[in-house]
Amino acid sequence: MLKTITFAILHFGVAFGVAYALTGSIGISGAVALIEPLANTFVFYFHEKAWNRYEKKKNLRAGKSRFPLHQCVGN
């Protein structure tokens, strides 16, 4: 848990620093540093769903073509 907390602080600091370097505004930088992780959380959720769908399809394709000669035996 400590590693997660320290990473969150680091992430906040980087987001704030980049936004401040680009805008020079503490208010905008603070808002970006708070909103960006929230947006990333939503994007990550949908990325995981899409990635799981991709992996499932990939595994199904691999299973069908894994032993193509086996399907011909006995026909």
C-alpha atoms as a PDB file:
ATOM      1  CA  MET A   1       0.000   0.000   0.000  1.00  0.00           C
ATOM      2  CA  LEU A   2       2.879   2.345   0.756  1.00  0.00           C
ATOM      3  CA  LYS A   3       4.257   1.850  -2.758  1.00  0.00           C
ATOM      4  CA  THR A   4       0.843   2.731  -4.238  1.00  0.00           C
ATOM      5  CA  ILE A   5       0.563   5.874  -2.125  1.00  0.00           C
ATOM      6  CA  THR A   6       4.066   7.047  -2.996  1.00  0.00           C
ATOM      7  CA  PHE A   7       3.410   6.390  -6.686  1.00  0.00           C
ATOM      8  CA  ALA A   8       0.180   8.414  -6.491  1.00  0.00           C
ATOM      9  CA  ILE A   9       2.087  11.309  -4.943  1.00  0.00           C
ATOM     10  CA  LEU A  10       4.762  11.022  -7.620  1.00  0.00           C
ATOM     11  CA  HIS A  11       2.108  10.932 -10.350  1.00  0.00           C
ATOM     12  CA  PHE A  12       0.417  14.017  -8.918  1.00  0.00           C
ATOM     13  CA  GLY A  13       3.746  15.832  -8.750  1.00  0.00           C
ATOM     14  CA  VAL A  14       4.660  15.027 -12.339  1.00  0.00           C
ATOM     15  CA  ALA A  15       1.226  16.040 -13.648  1.00  0.00           C
ATOM     16  CA  PHE A  16       1.367  19.268 -11.659  1.00  0.00           C
ATOM     17  CA  GLY A  17       4.916  20.022 -12.810  1.00  0.00           C
ATOM     18  CA  VAL A  18       4.187  19.449 -16.490  1.00  0.00           C
ATOM     19  CA  ALA A  19       0.970  21.488 -16.371  1.00  0.00           C
ATOM     20  CA  TYR A  20       2.720  24.292 -14.496  1.00  0.00           C
ATOM     21  CA  ALA A  21       5.600  24.338 -16.984  1.00  0.00           C
ATOM     22  CA  LEU A  22       3.094  24.635 -19.833  1.00  0.00           C
ATOM     23  CA  THR A  23       0.687  27.135 -18.275  1.00  0.00           C
ATOM     24  CA  GLY A  24       2.477  28.939 -15.441  1.00  0.00           C
ATOM     25  CA  SER A  25      -0.759  28.731 -13.465  1.00  0.00           C
ATOM     26  CA  ILE A  26      -0.918  27.047 -10.062  1.00  0.00           C
ATOM     27  CA  GLY A  27      -4.732  26.806 -10.274  1.00  0.00           C
ATOM     28  CA  ILE A  28      -4.790  25.148 -13.684  1.00  0.00           C
ATOM     29  CA  SER A  29      -1.891  22.890 -12.758  1.00  0.00           C
ATOM     30  CA  GLY A  30      -3.657  21.766  -9.588  1.00  0.00           C
ATOM     31  CA  ALA A  31      -6.855  21.044 -11.497  1.00  0.00           C
ATOM     32  CA  VAL A  32      -4.988  19.080 -14.166  1.00  0.00           C
ATOM     33  CA  ALA A  33      -3.088  17.109 -11.517  1.00  0.00           C
ATOM     34  CA  LEU A  34      -6.380  16.165  -9.822  1.00  0.00           C
ATOM     35  CA  ILE A  35      -8.503  15.516 -12.930  1.00  0.00           C
ATOM     36  CA  GLU A  36      -5.926  13.624 -15.000  1.00  0.00           C
ATOM     37  CA  PRO A  37      -5.704  10.585 -12.679  1.00  0.00           C
ATOM     38  CA  LEU A  38      -9.492  10.371 -12.586  1.00  0.00           C
ATOM     39  CA  ALA A  39      -9.667  10.426 -16.390  1.00  0.00           C
ATOM     40  CA  ASN A  40      -6.870   7.842 -16.549  1.00  0.00           C
ATOM     41  CA  THR A  41      -8.833   5.549 -14.241  1.00  0.00           C
ATOM     42  CA  PHE A  42     -11.816   5.545 -16.604  1.00  0.00           C
ATOM     43  CA  VAL A  43      -9.641   5.093 -19.682  1.00  0.00           C
ATOM     44  CA  PHE A  44      -7.785   2.208 -18.016  1.00  0.00           C
ATOM     45  CA  TYR A  45     -11.073   0.443 -17.224  1.00  0.00           C
ATOM     46  CA  PHE A  46     -12.184   0.499 -20.860  1.00  0.00           C
ATOM     47  CA  HIS A  47      -8.695  -0.394 -22.072  1.00  0.00           C
ATOM     48  CA  GLU A  48      -8.752  -3.488 -19.852  1.00  0.00           C
ATOM     49  CA  LYS A  49     -12.162  -4.526 -21.200  1.00  0.00           C
ATOM     50  CA  ALA A  50     -10.960  -4.137 -24.802  1.00  0.00           C
ATOM     51  CA  TRP A  51      -7.684  -5.908 -24.064  1.00  0.00           C
ATOM     52  CA  ASN A  52      -9.478  -8.857 -22.447  1.00  0.00           C
ATOM     53  CA  ARG A  53     -11.731  -9.149 -25.498  1.00  0.00           C
ATOM     54  CA  TYR A  54      -8.666  -9.093 -27.776  1.00  0.00           C
ATOM     55  CA  GLU A  55      -6.888 -11.769 -25.724  1.00  0.00           C
ATOM     56  CA  LYS A  56      -9.974 -13.983 -25.715  1.00  0.00           C
ATOM     57  CA  LYS A  57     -10.285 -13.773 -29.514  1.00  0.00           C
ATOM     58  CA  LYS A  58      -6.559 -14.381 -29.939  1.00  0.00           C
ATOM     59  CA  ASN A  59      -6.742 -17.484 -27.736  1.00  0.00           C
ATOM     60  CA  LEU A  60      -9.754 -18.804 -29.626  1.00  0.00           C
ATOM     61  CA  ARG A  61      -7.945 -18.363 -32.956  1.00  0.00           C
ATOM     62  CA  ALA A  62      -4.839 -20.069 -31.580  1.00  0.00           C
ATOM     63  CA  GLY A  63      -6.911 -22.986 -30.331  1.00  0.00           C
ATOM     64  CA  LYS A  64      -8.599 -23.536 -33.708  1.00  0.00           C
ATOM     65  CA  SER A  65      -5.373 -23.558 -35.715  1.00  0.00           C
ATOM     66  CA  ARG A  66      -3.232 -25.293 -33.131  1.00  0.00           C
ATOM     67  CA  PHE A  67      -3.595 -28.808 -34.588  1.00  0.00           C
ATOM     68  CA  PRO A  68      -4.976 -28.403 -38.128  1.00  0.00           C
ATOM     69  CA  LEU A  69      -4.050 -31.964 -39.186  1.00  0.00           C
ATOM     70  CA  HIS A  70      -5.854 -33.433 -36.221  1.00  0.00           C
ATOM     71  CA  GLN A  71      -9.144 -32.215 -37.731  1.00  0.00           C
ATOM     72  CA  CYS A  72      -8.481 -34.187 -40.939  1.00  0.00           C
ATOM     73  CA  VAL A  73      -7.765 -37.535 -39.269  1.00  0.00           C
ATOM     74  CA  GLY A  74     -10.692 -39.928 -39.418  1.00  0.00           C
ATOM     75  CA  ASN A  75     -12.617 -38.079 -42.148  1.00  0.00           C
END
